[in-house]
Each structure stands twice: as structure tokens, then as C-alpha cells.
C-alpha atoms as a PDB file:
ATOM      1  CA  UNK A   1       5.460 -12.082 -16.248  1.00  0.00           C
ATOM      2  CA  UNK A   2       8.981 -13.478 -16.378  1.00  0.00           C
ATOM      3  CA  UNK A   3       9.300 -16.174 -19.026  1.00  0.00           C
ATOM      4  CA  UNK A   4       5.704 -17.386 -18.708  1.00  0.00           C
ATOM      5  CA  UNK A   5       4.481 -15.630 -21.842  1.00  0.00           C
ATOM      6  CA  UNK A   6       1.699 -14.103 -19.733  1.00  0.00           C
ATOM      7  CA  UNK A   7       1.295 -10.333 -20.140  1.00  0.00           C
ATOM      8  CA  UNK A   8      -0.096  -8.428 -17.180  1.00  0.00           C
ATOM      9  CA  UNK A   9      -0.847  -4.840 -16.229  1.00  0.00           C
ATOM     10  CA  UNK A  10       1.634  -3.273 -13.804  1.00  0.00           C
ATOM     11  CA  UNK A  11      -1.264  -2.728 -11.397  1.00  0.00           C
ATOM     12  CA  UNK A  12      -2.747  -5.973 -10.114  1.00  0.00           C
ATOM     13  CA  UNK A  13      -6.169  -5.913  -8.432  1.00  0.00           C
ATOM     14  CA  UNK A  14      -5.723  -7.389  -4.948  1.00  0.00           C
ATOM     15  CA  UNK A  15      -9.132  -8.843  -4.160  1.00  0.00           C
ATOM     16  CA  UNK A  16      -8.740  -9.815  -0.484  1.00  0.00           C
ATOM     17  CA  UNK A  17     -10.022  -6.409   0.613  1.00  0.00           C
ATOM     18  CA  UNK A  18     -13.392  -6.724  -1.103  1.00  0.00           C
ATOM     19  CA  UNK A  19     -13.942 -10.283   0.116  1.00  0.00           C
ATOM     20  CA  UNK A  20     -15.915 -11.589   3.126  1.00  0.00           C
ATOM     21  CA  UNK A  21     -12.684 -11.549   5.161  1.00  0.00           C
ATOM     22  CA  UNK A  22     -12.433  -7.754   4.991  1.00  0.00           C
ATOM     23  CA  UNK A  23     -14.870  -5.247   3.420  1.00  0.00           C
ATOM     24  CA  UNK A  24     -17.425  -7.995   2.688  1.00  0.00           C
ATOM     25  CA  UNK A  25     -18.848  -6.213  -0.361  1.00  0.00           C
ATOM     26  CA  UNK A  26     -21.861  -7.773  -2.019  1.00  0.00           C
ATOM     27  CA  UNK A  27     -21.139  -9.830  -5.132  1.00  0.00           C
ATOM     28  CA  UNK A  28     -22.686  -7.091  -7.260  1.00  0.00           C
ATOM     29  CA  UNK A  29     -20.561  -4.355  -5.648  1.00  0.00           C
ATOM     30  CA  UNK A  30     -17.331  -6.352  -5.790  1.00  0.00           C
ATOM     31  CA  UNK A  31     -17.858  -7.520  -9.360  1.00  0.00           C
ATOM     32  CA  UNK A  32     -18.690  -3.978 -10.426  1.00  0.00           C
ATOM     33  CA  UNK A  33     -15.423  -2.669  -9.008  1.00  0.00           C
ATOM     34  CA  UNK A  34     -13.478  -5.414 -10.785  1.00  0.00           C
ATOM     35  CA  UNK A  35     -15.209  -4.548 -14.054  1.00  0.00           C
ATOM     36  CA  UNK A  36     -14.425  -0.854 -13.684  1.00  0.00           C
ATOM     37  CA  UNK A  37     -10.779  -1.711 -13.086  1.00  0.00           C
ATOM     38  CA  UNK A  38     -10.744  -3.854 -16.212  1.00  0.00           C
ATOM     39  CA  UNK A  39     -12.291  -1.028 -18.211  1.00  0.00           C
ATOM     40  CA  UNK A  40      -9.394   1.189 -17.081  1.00  0.00           C
ATOM     41  CA  UNK A  41      -6.748  -1.277 -18.261  1.00  0.00           C
ATOM     42  CA  UNK A  42      -6.175  -3.498 -15.236  1.00  0.00           C
ATOM     43  CA  UNK A  43      -6.117  -7.047 -16.636  1.00  0.00           C
ATOM     44  CA  UNK A  44      -4.535  -8.865 -13.657  1.00  0.00           C
ATOM     45  CA  UNK A  45      -6.376  -9.993 -10.498  1.00  0.00           C
ATOM     46  CA  UNK A  46      -5.004 -11.785  -7.450  1.00  0.00           C
ATOM     47  CA  UNK A  47      -7.183 -13.978  -5.245  1.00  0.00           C
ATOM     48  CA  UNK A  48      -6.965 -17.158  -3.152  1.00  0.00           C
ATOM     49  CA  UNK A  49      -9.196 -20.027  -2.170  1.00  0.00           C
ATOM     50  CA  UNK A  50      -9.127 -18.637   1.376  1.00  0.00           C
ATOM     51  CA  UNK A  51     -10.640 -15.309   0.265  1.00  0.00           C
ATOM     52  CA  UNK A  52     -13.936 -16.971  -0.714  1.00  0.00           C
ATOM     53  CA  UNK A  53     -14.571 -14.535  -3.573  1.00  0.00           C
ATOM     54  CA  UNK A  54     -14.557 -16.645  -6.737  1.00  0.00           C
ATOM     55  CA  UNK A  55     -18.212 -15.699  -7.212  1.00  0.00           C
ATOM     56  CA  UNK A  56     -17.217 -12.030  -7.589  1.00  0.00           C
ATOM     57  CA  UNK A  57     -14.856 -12.965 -10.423  1.00  0.00           C
ATOM     58  CA  UNK A  58     -17.472 -15.115 -12.143  1.00  0.00           C
ATOM     59  CA  UNK A  59     -19.929 -12.228 -12.066  1.00  0.00           C
ATOM     60  CA  UNK A  60     -17.355  -9.716 -13.337  1.00  0.00           C
ATOM     61  CA  UNK A  61     -16.419 -11.973 -16.258  1.00  0.00           C
ATOM     62  CA  UNK A  62     -19.952 -12.682 -17.454  1.00  0.00           C
ATOM     63  CA  UNK A  63     -20.185 -12.100 -21.192  1.00  0.00           C
ATOM     64  CA  UNK A  64     -16.487 -11.227 -21.512  1.00  0.00           C
ATOM     65  CA  UNK A  65     -13.793 -13.061 -23.478  1.00  0.00           C
ATOM     66  CA  UNK A  66     -11.708 -15.300 -21.213  1.00  0.00           C
ATOM     67  CA  UNK A  67      -8.490 -13.535 -22.191  1.00  0.00           C
ATOM     68  CA  UNK A  68      -9.691 -10.200 -20.770  1.00  0.00           C
ATOM     69  CA  UNK A  69      -8.465 -11.258 -17.324  1.00  0.00           C
ATOM     70  CA  UNK A  70      -5.268 -12.834 -16.018  1.00  0.00           C
ATOM     71  CA  UNK A  71      -6.255 -14.621 -12.817  1.00  0.00           C
ATOM     72  CA  UNK A  72      -3.851 -15.743 -10.100  1.00  0.00           C
ATOM     73  CA  UNK A  73      -5.103 -17.814  -7.192  1.00  0.00           C
ATOM     74  CA  UNK A  74      -3.549 -19.643  -4.263  1.00  0.00           C
ATOM     75  CA  UNK A  75      -4.130 -22.762  -2.173  1.00  0.00           C
ATOM     76  CA  UNK A  76      -2.789 -24.357   1.009  1.00  0.00           C
ATOM     77  CA  UNK A  77      -3.057 -27.817  -0.585  1.00  0.00           C
ATOM     78  CA  UNK A  78      -0.140 -30.151   0.120  1.00  0.00           C
ATOM     79  CA  UNK A  79      -1.396 -33.479  -1.272  1.00  0.00           C
ATOM     80  CA  UNK A  80      -2.338 -34.337  -4.821  1.00  0.00           C
ATOM     81  CA  UNK A  81      -5.962 -34.872  -3.848  1.00  0.00           C
ATOM     82  CA  UNK A  82      -6.169 -31.517  -2.063  1.00  0.00           C
ATOM     83  CA  UNK A  83      -4.602 -29.808  -5.088  1.00  0.00           C
ATOM     84  CA  UNK A  84      -7.132 -31.516  -7.353  1.00  0.00           C
ATOM     85  CA  UNK A  85     -10.015 -30.243  -5.217  1.00  0.00           C
ATOM     86  CA  UNK A  86      -8.571 -26.713  -5.127  1.00  0.00           C
ATOM     87  CA  UNK A  87      -8.257 -26.564  -8.908  1.00  0.00           C
ATOM     88  CA  UNK A  88     -11.738 -28.030  -9.371  1.00  0.00           C
ATOM     89  CA  UNK A  89     -13.198 -25.452  -6.967  1.00  0.00           C
ATOM     90  CA  UNK A  90     -11.447 -22.557  -8.719  1.00  0.00           C
ATOM     91  CA  UNK A  91     -12.595 -23.641 -12.168  1.00  0.00           C
ATOM     92  CA  UNK A  92     -16.169 -24.369 -11.124  1.00  0.00           C
ATOM     93  CA  UNK A  93     -16.727 -21.282  -8.978  1.00  0.00           C
ATOM     94  CA  UNK A  94     -15.109 -18.775 -11.348  1.00  0.00           C
ATOM     95  CA  UNK A  95     -16.723 -20.364 -14.399  1.00  0.00           C
ATOM     96  CA  UNK A  96     -13.436 -19.997 -16.270  1.00  0.00           C
ATOM     97  CA  UNK A  97     -11.957 -22.667 -18.499  1.00  0.00           C
ATOM     98  CA  UNK A  98      -8.463 -22.330 -17.032  1.00  0.00           C
ATOM     99  CA  UNK A  99      -6.557 -20.493 -14.301  1.00  0.00           C
ATOM    100  CA  UNK A 100      -3.610 -18.408 -15.469  1.00  0.00           C
ATOM    101  CA  UNK A 101      -1.412 -18.717 -12.368  1.00  0.00           C
ATOM    102  CA  UNK A 102      -1.973 -21.275  -9.611  1.00  0.00           C
ATOM    103  CA  UNK A 103       0.202 -20.883  -6.533  1.00  0.00           C
ATOM    104  CA  UNK A 104       0.932 -22.512  -3.212  1.00  0.00           C
ATOM    105  CA  UNK A 105      -0.099 -20.046  -0.507  1.00  0.00           C
ATOM    106  CA  UNK A 106       2.376 -18.686   2.073  1.00  0.00           C
ATOM    107  CA  UNK A 107       5.358 -20.949   1.508  1.00  0.00           C
ATOM    108  CA  UNK A 108       8.308 -20.535   3.873  1.00  0.00           C
ATOM    109  CA  UNK A 109      11.418 -22.394   2.700  1.00  0.00           C
ATOM    110  CA  UNK A 110      12.850 -25.202   0.618  1.00  0.00           C
ATOM    111  CA  UNK A 111      11.654 -27.647   3.256  1.00  0.00           C
ATOM    112  CA  UNK A 112       8.110 -26.305   2.973  1.00  0.00           C
ATOM    113  CA  UNK A 113       8.248 -26.723  -0.791  1.00  0.00           C
ATOM    114  CA  UNK A 114       9.444 -30.316  -0.453  1.00  0.00           C
ATOM    115  CA  UNK A 115       6.601 -30.982   1.970  1.00  0.00           C
ATOM    116  CA  UNK A 116       4.177 -29.880  -0.756  1.00  0.00           C
ATOM    117  CA  UNK A 117       5.719 -32.005  -3.513  1.00  0.00           C
ATOM    118  CA  UNK A 118       2.525 -33.986  -4.163  1.00  0.00           C
ATOM    119  CA  UNK A 119       0.550 -30.802  -4.776  1.00  0.00           C
ATOM    120  CA  UNK A 120       3.340 -29.403  -6.935  1.00  0.00           C
ATOM    121  CA  UNK A 121       3.387 -32.544  -9.074  1.00  0.00           C
ATOM    122  CA  UNK A 122      -0.377 -32.339  -9.524  1.00  0.00           C
ATOM    123  CA  UNK A 123      -0.263 -28.698 -10.630  1.00  0.00           C
ATOM    124  CA  UNK A 124       2.544 -29.408 -13.076  1.00  0.00           C
ATOM    125  CA  UNK A 125       0.411 -32.136 -14.683  1.00  0.00           C
ATOM    126  CA  UNK A 126      -2.553 -29.725 -14.732  1.00  0.00           C
ATOM    127  CA  UNK A 127      -0.335 -27.220 -16.512  1.00  0.00           C
ATOM    128  CA  UNK A 128       0.552 -29.817 -19.154  1.00  0.00           C
ATOM    129  CA  UNK A 129      -3.170 -30.408 -19.718  1.00  0.00           C
ATOM    130  CA  UNK A 130      -3.911 -26.690 -20.066  1.00  0.00           C
ATOM    131  CA  UNK A 131      -5.929 -26.220 -16.872  1.00  0.00           C
ATOM    132  CA  UNK A 132      -3.349 -23.718 -15.601  1.00  0.00           C
ATOM    133  CA  UNK A 133      -0.843 -21.638 -17.528  1.00  0.00           C
ATOM    134  CA  UNK A 134       1.841 -21.158 -14.879  1.00  0.00           C
ATOM    135  CA  UNK A 135       2.724 -22.438 -11.410  1.00  0.00           C
ATOM    136  CA  UNK A 136       4.081 -20.367  -8.537  1.00  0.00           C
ATOM    137  CA  UNK A 137       4.313 -19.609  -4.834  1.00  0.00           C
ATOM    138  CA  UNK A 138       3.365 -16.721  -2.560  1.00  0.00           C
ATOM    139  CA  UNK A 139       5.527 -15.963   0.449  1.00  0.00           C
ATOM    140  CA  UNK A 140       6.400 -13.624   3.299  1.00  0.00           C
ATOM    141  CA  UNK A 141       9.837 -15.258   3.616  1.00  0.00           C
ATOM    142  CA  UNK A 142      13.126 -14.285   1.972  1.00  0.00           C
ATOM    143  CA  UNK A 143      14.253 -17.900   2.349  1.00  0.00           C
ATOM    144  CA  UNK A 144      11.393 -19.135   0.174  1.00  0.00           C
ATOM    145  CA  UNK A 145      12.329 -16.747  -2.643  1.00  0.00           C
ATOM    146  CA  UNK A 146      15.906 -17.988  -2.433  1.00  0.00           C
ATOM    147  CA  UNK A 147      14.790 -21.615  -2.393  1.00  0.00           C
ATOM    148  CA  UNK A 148      12.585 -21.055  -5.448  1.00  0.00           C
ATOM    149  CA  UNK A 149      15.711 -20.198  -7.441  1.00  0.00           C
ATOM    150  CA  UNK A 150      16.519 -23.906  -7.473  1.00  0.00           C
ATOM    151  CA  UNK A 151      13.062 -24.981  -8.637  1.00  0.00           C
ATOM    152  CA  UNK A 152      12.628 -24.601 -12.390  1.00  0.00           C
ATOM    153  CA  UNK A 153       9.022 -25.696 -11.858  1.00  0.00           C
ATOM    154  CA  UNK A 154       8.285 -22.432 -10.029  1.00  0.00           C
ATOM    155  CA  UNK A 155       7.588 -19.845 -12.706  1.00  0.00           C
ATOM    156  CA  UNK A 156       6.003 -17.054 -10.633  1.00  0.00           C
ATOM    157  CA  UNK A 157       6.800 -15.694  -7.161  1.00  0.00           C
ATOM    158  CA  UNK A 158       4.454 -13.438  -5.176  1.00  0.00           C
ATOM    159  CA  UNK A 159       6.584 -11.934  -2.366  1.00  0.00           C
ATOM    160  CA  UNK A 160       5.761  -9.259   0.186  1.00  0.00           C
ATOM    161  CA  UNK A 161       7.558  -5.993  -0.615  1.00  0.00           C
ATOM    162  CA  UNK A 162       7.053  -2.616   1.014  1.00  0.00           C
ATOM    163  CA  UNK A 163       9.083   0.385   2.085  1.00  0.00           C
ATOM    164  CA  UNK A 164       9.264  -0.601   5.776  1.00  0.00           C
ATOM    165  CA  UNK A 165       9.554  -4.350   5.297  1.00  0.00           C
ATOM    166  CA  UNK A 166       6.321  -4.940   7.219  1.00  0.00           C
ATOM    167  CA  UNK A 167       5.341  -8.597   7.124  1.00  0.00           C
ATOM    168  CA  UNK A 168       8.727  -9.948   5.992  1.00  0.00           C
ATOM    169  CA  UNK A 169       9.280 -12.823   8.407  1.00  0.00           C
ATOM    170  CA  UNK A 170      12.992 -13.504   8.164  1.00  0.00           C
ATOM    171  CA  UNK A 171      14.933 -10.472   7.027  1.00  0.00           C
ATOM    172  CA  UNK A 172      14.883  -6.886   5.848  1.00  0.00           C
ATOM    173  CA  UNK A 173      13.346  -5.325   2.762  1.00  0.00           C
ATOM    174  CA  UNK A 174      16.869  -5.161   1.287  1.00  0.00           C
ATOM    175  CA  UNK A 175      17.249  -8.913   1.822  1.00  0.00           C
ATOM    176  CA  UNK A 176      13.946  -9.505   0.072  1.00  0.00           C
ATOM    177  CA  UNK A 177      14.822  -7.245  -2.854  1.00  0.00           C
ATOM    178  CA  UNK A 178      18.167  -8.983  -3.327  1.00  0.00           C
ATOM    179  CA  UNK A 179      16.407 -12.366  -3.480  1.00  0.00           C
ATOM    180  CA  UNK A 180      13.685 -11.016  -5.778  1.00  0.00           C
ATOM    181  CA  UNK A 181      16.267  -9.622  -8.200  1.00  0.00           C
ATOM    182  CA  UNK A 182      18.044 -12.968  -8.321  1.00  0.00           C
ATOM    183  CA  UNK A 183      14.740 -14.701  -9.040  1.00  0.00           C
ATOM    184  CA  UNK A 184      13.834 -12.222 -11.787  1.00  0.00           C
ATOM    185  CA  UNK A 185      17.271 -12.686 -13.327  1.00  0.00           C
ATOM    186  CA  UNK A 186      16.491 -16.414 -13.502  1.00  0.00           C
ATOM    187  CA  UNK A 187      13.360 -15.647 -15.512  1.00  0.00           C
ATOM    188  CA  UNK A 188      10.824 -15.951 -12.694  1.00  0.00           C
ATOM    189  CA  UNK A 189       7.761 -13.733 -12.938  1.00  0.00           C
ATOM    190  CA  UNK A 190       7.515 -11.433  -9.903  1.00  0.00           C
ATOM    191  CA  UNK A 191       4.452  -9.649  -8.607  1.00  0.00           C
ATOM    192  CA  UNK A 192       4.702  -7.974  -5.234  1.00  0.00           C
ATOM    193  CA  UNK A 193       2.111  -7.976  -2.477  1.00  0.00           C
ATOM    194  CA  UNK A 194       1.198  -5.519   0.272  1.00  0.00           C
ATOM    195  CA  UNK A 195       3.090  -2.389  -0.883  1.00  0.00           C
ATOM    196  CA  UNK A 196       1.074  -0.496   1.748  1.00  0.00           C
ATOM    197  CA  UNK A 197       1.885  -3.001   4.487  1.00  0.00           C
ATOM    198  CA  UNK A 198      -1.639  -4.385   4.734  1.00  0.00           C
ATOM    199  CA  UNK A 199      -2.988  -0.842   4.977  1.00  0.00           C
ATOM    200  CA  UNK A 200      -0.717   0.077   7.871  1.00  0.00           C
ATOM    201  CA  UNK A 201       1.273   2.480   5.667  1.00  0.00           C
ATOM    202  CA  UNK A 202      -1.764   4.043   3.995  1.00  0.00           C
ATOM    203  CA  UNK A 203      -0.938   7.513   5.335  1.00  0.00           C
ATOM    204  CA  UNK A 204       2.265   7.432   3.280  1.00  0.00           C
ATOM    205  CA  UNK A 205       0.747   5.837   0.205  1.00  0.00           C
ATOM    206  CA  UNK A 206       2.572   8.079  -2.299  1.00  0.00           C
ATOM    207  CA  UNK A 207       5.978   7.334  -0.815  1.00  0.00           C
ATOM    208  CA  UNK A 208       5.166   3.617  -0.575  1.00  0.00           C
ATOM    209  CA  UNK A 209       3.933   3.261  -4.140  1.00  0.00           C
ATOM    210  CA  UNK A 210       6.781   5.331  -5.556  1.00  0.00           C
ATOM    211  CA  UNK A 211       9.180   2.990  -3.765  1.00  0.00           C
ATOM    212  CA  UNK A 212       7.720  -0.207  -5.232  1.00  0.00           C
ATOM    213  CA  UNK A 213       7.137   1.308  -8.677  1.00  0.00           C
ATOM    214  CA  UNK A 214      10.815   2.225  -8.748  1.00  0.00           C
ATOM    215  CA  UNK A 215      11.939  -1.412  -8.495  1.00  0.00           C
ATOM    216  CA  UNK A 216      12.691  -2.538 -12.068  1.00  0.00           C
ATOM    217  CA  UNK A 217      12.664  -6.291 -11.419  1.00  0.00           C
ATOM    218  CA  UNK A 218       9.039  -6.413 -10.255  1.00  0.00           C
ATOM    219  CA  UNK A 219       6.588  -7.145 -13.083  1.00  0.00           C
ATOM    220  CA  UNK A 220       3.366  -6.226 -11.302  1.00  0.00           C
ATOM    221  CA  UNK A 221       2.173  -4.966  -7.917  1.00  0.00           C
ATOM    222  CA  UNK A 222      -0.951  -6.273  -6.186  1.00  0.00           C
ATOM    223  CA  UNK A 223      -2.836  -3.635  -4.201  1.00  0.00           C
ATOM    224  CA  UNK A 224      -6.022  -4.347  -2.299  1.00  0.00           C
ATOM    225  CA  UNK A 225      -8.949  -2.191  -3.425  1.00  0.00           C
ATOM    226  CA  UNK A 226     -12.493  -1.935  -2.120  1.00  0.00           C
ATOM    227  CA  UNK A 227     -13.873   1.316  -3.571  1.00  0.00           C
ATOM    228  CA  UNK A 228     -13.709   3.525  -6.669  1.00  0.00           C
ATOM    229  CA  UNK A 229     -11.632   6.181  -4.912  1.00  0.00           C
ATOM    230  CA  UNK A 230      -8.900   3.653  -4.117  1.00  0.00           C
ATOM    231  CA  UNK A 231      -8.968   2.411  -7.712  1.00  0.00           C
ATOM    232  CA  UNK A 232      -8.669   5.971  -9.048  1.00  0.00           C
ATOM    233  CA  UNK A 233      -5.835   6.874  -6.676  1.00  0.00           C
ATOM    234  CA  UNK A 234      -3.870   3.756  -7.592  1.00  0.00           C
ATOM    235  CA  UNK A 235      -4.398   4.293 -11.322  1.00  0.00           C
ATOM    236  CA  UNK A 236      -3.153   7.866 -10.995  1.00  0.00           C
ATOM    237  CA  UNK A 237       0.019   6.762  -9.207  1.00  0.00           C
ATOM    238  CA  UNK A 238       0.715   3.978 -11.722  1.00  0.00           C
ATOM    239  CA  UNK A 239       0.064   6.299 -14.669  1.00  0.00           C
ATOM    240  CA  UNK A 240       2.328   8.986 -13.246  1.00  0.00           C
ATOM    241  CA  UNK A 241      -0.312  11.666 -12.788  1.00  0.00           C
ATOM    242  CA  UNK A 242      -1.524  13.550  -9.695  1.00  0.00           C
ATOM    243  CA  UNK A 243      -4.307  12.144  -7.562  1.00  0.00           C
ATOM    244  CA  UNK A 244      -7.143  14.647  -7.919  1.00  0.00           C
ATOM    245  CA  UNK A 245      -8.150  16.565  -4.798  1.00  0.00           C
ATOM    246  CA  UNK A 246     -11.687  15.181  -4.761  1.00  0.00           C
ATOM    247  CA  UNK A 247     -10.448  11.589  -4.725  1.00  0.00           C
ATOM    248  CA  UNK A 248      -7.863  12.363  -2.070  1.00  0.00           C
ATOM    249  CA  UNK A 249     -10.460  14.076   0.119  1.00  0.00           C
ATOM    250  CA  UNK A 250     -12.816  11.101  -0.201  1.00  0.00           C
ATOM    251  CA  UNK A 251     -10.057   8.675   0.785  1.00  0.00           C
ATOM    252  CA  UNK A 252      -9.008  10.816   3.749  1.00  0.00           C
ATOM    253  CA  UNK A 253     -12.594  10.897   4.963  1.00  0.00           C
ATOM    254  CA  UNK A 254     -13.047   7.133   4.562  1.00  0.00           C
ATOM    255  CA  UNK A 255     -13.474   5.339   7.856  1.00  0.00           C
ATOM    256  CA  UNK A 256     -10.867   2.651   8.381  1.00  0.00           C
ATOM    257  CA  UNK A 257     -10.493   0.023  11.063  1.00  0.00           C
ATOM    258  CA  UNK A 258      -7.968  -2.378  12.504  1.00  0.00           C
ATOM    259  CA  UNK A 259      -8.556  -5.956  11.440  1.00  0.00           C
ATOM    260  CA  UNK A 260      -7.182  -8.812  13.537  1.00  0.00           C
ATOM    261  CA  UNK A 261      -7.389 -12.024  11.558  1.00  0.00           C
ATOM    262  CA  UNK A 262      -9.452 -14.797  13.182  1.00  0.00           C
ATOM    263  CA  UNK A 263      -6.433 -17.119  13.169  1.00  0.00           C
ATOM    264  CA  UNK A 264      -4.534 -14.842  15.613  1.00  0.00           C
ATOM    265  CA  UNK A 265      -2.478 -17.021  17.976  1.00  0.00           C
ATOM    266  CA  UNK A 266      -2.720 -14.679  20.963  1.00  0.00           C
ATOM    267  CA  UNK A 267       1.043 -14.255  21.493  1.00  0.00           C
ATOM    268  CA  UNK A 268       0.545 -10.753  22.945  1.00  0.00           C
ATOM    269  CA  UNK A 269       3.335  -9.002  21.008  1.00  0.00           C
ATOM    270  CA  UNK A 270       0.864  -6.504  19.567  1.00  0.00           C
ATOM    271  CA  UNK A 271      -0.560  -5.700  23.007  1.00  0.00           C
ATOM    272  CA  UNK A 272       2.831  -4.727  24.422  1.00  0.00           C
ATOM    273  CA  UNK A 273       3.585  -2.635  21.295  1.00  0.00           C
ATOM    274  CA  UNK A 274       0.364  -0.597  21.471  1.00  0.00           C
ATOM    275  CA  UNK A 275       1.065   2.797  23.047  1.00  0.00           C
ATOM    276  CA  UNK A 276      -2.624   3.637  23.202  1.00  0.00           C
ATOM    277  CA  UNK A 277      -3.698   0.661  25.280  1.00  0.00           C
ATOM    278  CA  UNK A 278      -6.130  -0.257  22.523  1.00  0.00           C
ATOM    279  CA  UNK A 279      -5.299  -3.971  22.319  1.00  0.00           C
ATOM    280  CA  UNK A 280      -5.981  -6.737  24.810  1.00  0.00           C
ATOM    281  CA  UNK A 281      -6.028 -10.535  24.972  1.00  0.00           C
ATOM    282  CA  UNK A 282      -9.209 -12.487  25.527  1.00  0.00           C
ATOM    283  CA  UNK A 283     -10.032 -16.134  24.836  1.00  0.00           C
ATOM    284  CA  UNK A 284      -6.522 -16.689  23.529  1.00  0.00           C
ATOM    285  CA  UNK A 285      -6.718 -13.993  20.837  1.00  0.00           C
ATOM    286  CA  UNK A 286      -5.966 -10.298  20.462  1.00  0.00           C
ATOM    287  CA  UNK A 287      -8.863  -7.839  20.369  1.00  0.00           C
ATOM    288  CA  UNK A 288      -9.061  -4.093  19.758  1.00  0.00           C
ATOM    289  CA  UNK A 289     -10.834  -1.329  21.650  1.00  0.00           C
ATOM    290  CA  UNK A 290     -11.773   0.881  18.692  1.00  0.00           C
ATOM    291  CA  UNK A 291     -12.329   3.919  20.905  1.00  0.00           C
ATOM    292  CA  UNK A 292      -8.621   3.948  21.708  1.00  0.00           C
ATOM    293  CA  UNK A 293      -7.136   2.752  18.397  1.00  0.00           C
ATOM    294  CA  UNK A 294      -5.499   5.501  16.302  1.00  0.00           C
ATOM    295  CA  UNK A 295      -4.506   3.152  13.409  1.00  0.00           C
ATOM    296  CA  UNK A 296      -0.812   3.865  13.910  1.00  0.00           C
ATOM    297  CA  UNK A 297       0.211   0.393  12.738  1.00  0.00           C
ATOM    298  CA  UNK A 298       2.774  -0.248  15.501  1.00  0.00           C
ATOM    299  CA  UNK A 299       0.928  -3.430  16.415  1.00  0.00           C
ATOM    300  CA  UNK A 300       1.194  -4.791  12.875  1.00  0.00           C
ATOM    301  CA  UNK A 301       4.937  -4.178  12.849  1.00  0.00           C
ATOM    302  CA  UNK A 302       5.210  -6.370  15.942  1.00  0.00           C
ATOM    303  CA  UNK A 303       2.936  -9.164  14.743  1.00  0.00           C
ATOM    304  CA  UNK A 304       5.330 -11.900  13.660  1.00  0.00           C
ATOM    305  CA  UNK A 305       2.659 -13.609  11.569  1.00  0.00           C
ATOM    306  CA  UNK A 306       1.237 -10.425   9.990  1.00  0.00           C
ATOM    307  CA  UNK A 307      -2.273 -11.109  11.290  1.00  0.00           C
ATOM    308  CA  UNK A 308      -3.073  -7.410  11.813  1.00  0.00           C
ATOM    309  CA  UNK A 309      -4.102  -5.046   9.009  1.00  0.00           C
ATOM    310  CA  UNK A 310      -5.774  -1.677   8.531  1.00  0.00           C
ATOM    311  CA  UNK A 311      -8.769  -1.912   6.182  1.00  0.00           C
END
């Protein structure tokens, strides 16, 4: 992972999908899936304070050596006290002695980073004391990746990268890849998020994963997983072997749904983009009529804040 000295599997387990915000698996189910991924060689897991799934990780790591898992988590903290509470929560609720990568969640620009300087200073001190191994940022913005080039303190960047550029807030996928390459050349660790566009590109998963896997300056790729079939399909793609027909059939038959995040701002862009008339505004937020939704993903492409996903 860049110059951090941290070694990670190319496939990173994205844990948002199994959390209460999406699939809402039981702790036993979620922890079991994490364990099965670890048994197959996946040693890297991405989470966040927002996902509310530290308990899953604690359960999965019971009885295992701490170094079996590289854990990255994220926080919206912007003061030193908030950062302190976020680190304390992560350590207590995962039961782990340290966090490998602690990041600021969804940073936007150099100005955003400066506005979080108290939290950054706290995490750098925590790194010196051994409570975290590396500090980083996650972002949907090209400008943030560019700004991070000037911050030696930022060791890891978690940017959104996918074939269509879904979710990139301020440029194209080519713009993002140019910035990511520059960051990797500076020794930053890079692990990409949402290669399937939050599930909106799931029908073209081979093409999407081949695209991201073909980018040499990305160290690891976080993919959300919530069942054994998804784990098997992702492992096959990353190991360069065919996805077996039974797994593919099970995934094709899996019922999926459109998820509109509860923090939707009700701008209406998704409603006007929906050709099926499946979306509508009510109480200041977007809602979906599931009888009309065909999971085409056009709404997600028009959501400026990337609050719409297929799960």
C-alpha cells in the first residue's frame, strides 16, 4: 500500500453492503462471510464509523492473530475531540489493539482538508503512539486527490474509480485516473472504491472489474459483498479464472433493489432522469415505486451526491 509498509490483498472486502445501512445481515452472517473471505486470501477490509458494523469485525476476528486482517476505517470527525472519540469507538468496538488505516471520510478539496486540521493532527499523534499505522482520506472528488499530493501526512487515498465515472463529483474518470497516478507516483497508497458504481453497473461486472484490474497504479480494489456467490465471483475475476455457471446463475437470480440513502436532499434530479416513472418526491426526499423500477441506474448517474445505489 504505497510506502506505508502495509501489505494488502488486491481484493478488499467492502463491508458497507453487509451493514445495517444496506443488506442488514445479522452479526453472525456478516462475520461468517468476512471469515470465509479471509480463508480465501482476502486480508483487507474497508469500513467506516457510519456503517455501524464494527461488531461484525470483532466477531470475525475472535481467536485470530491481529495481523490476519488489515482494517481501514473512516470518520467525519473534524476536531481533535471528535477524532479521539472516533478512534476510541473503533478500538473498543472492534476489540483490536490498533487500526491499520484511519481516514477522513468523503473529503472534497484542499480547503476541506484544512478545515479538518485538528482531526488530522490528532490522528498523526495517534500514529506516532501506534494506535494507527497509516492516515488517509476517502473521496469522490478529483480535486481532493490532487490536493492530497501536497500533504505528506496523507499516506493512503481511497478514491472512487469505475468504468463510467459514476459518483465522481468534479470530473471524468480520466481526470480521476490522472490524479490517482500522480498520487501513486508520490508514494501514496491507493485503493479504489465502487468499481461497480454502487451496484448500478452490476450487469456489466466483468467489463467493470477488468477495467479497474487493468489499472497498474491501484494497489487494491474495495468491492461490497453480502453473500458467498458475490465473494466467489469476485475471487474468480481477481484470480483470472472463469466464474462458474452455478455462481453466475445464483447471482442472476438474486433479487436486487434500489437504495436511496436516508440523507437524500430531495433535489429531484433522479426523478427527471427516470424513464420508467419509478421515482417521486415526498417529504423532501426521493422515493422509489419498486413495481416500476427496472434497476437501470440512470437515476444514480444523475444524483450529484451519489445517494442512490443498487443493492
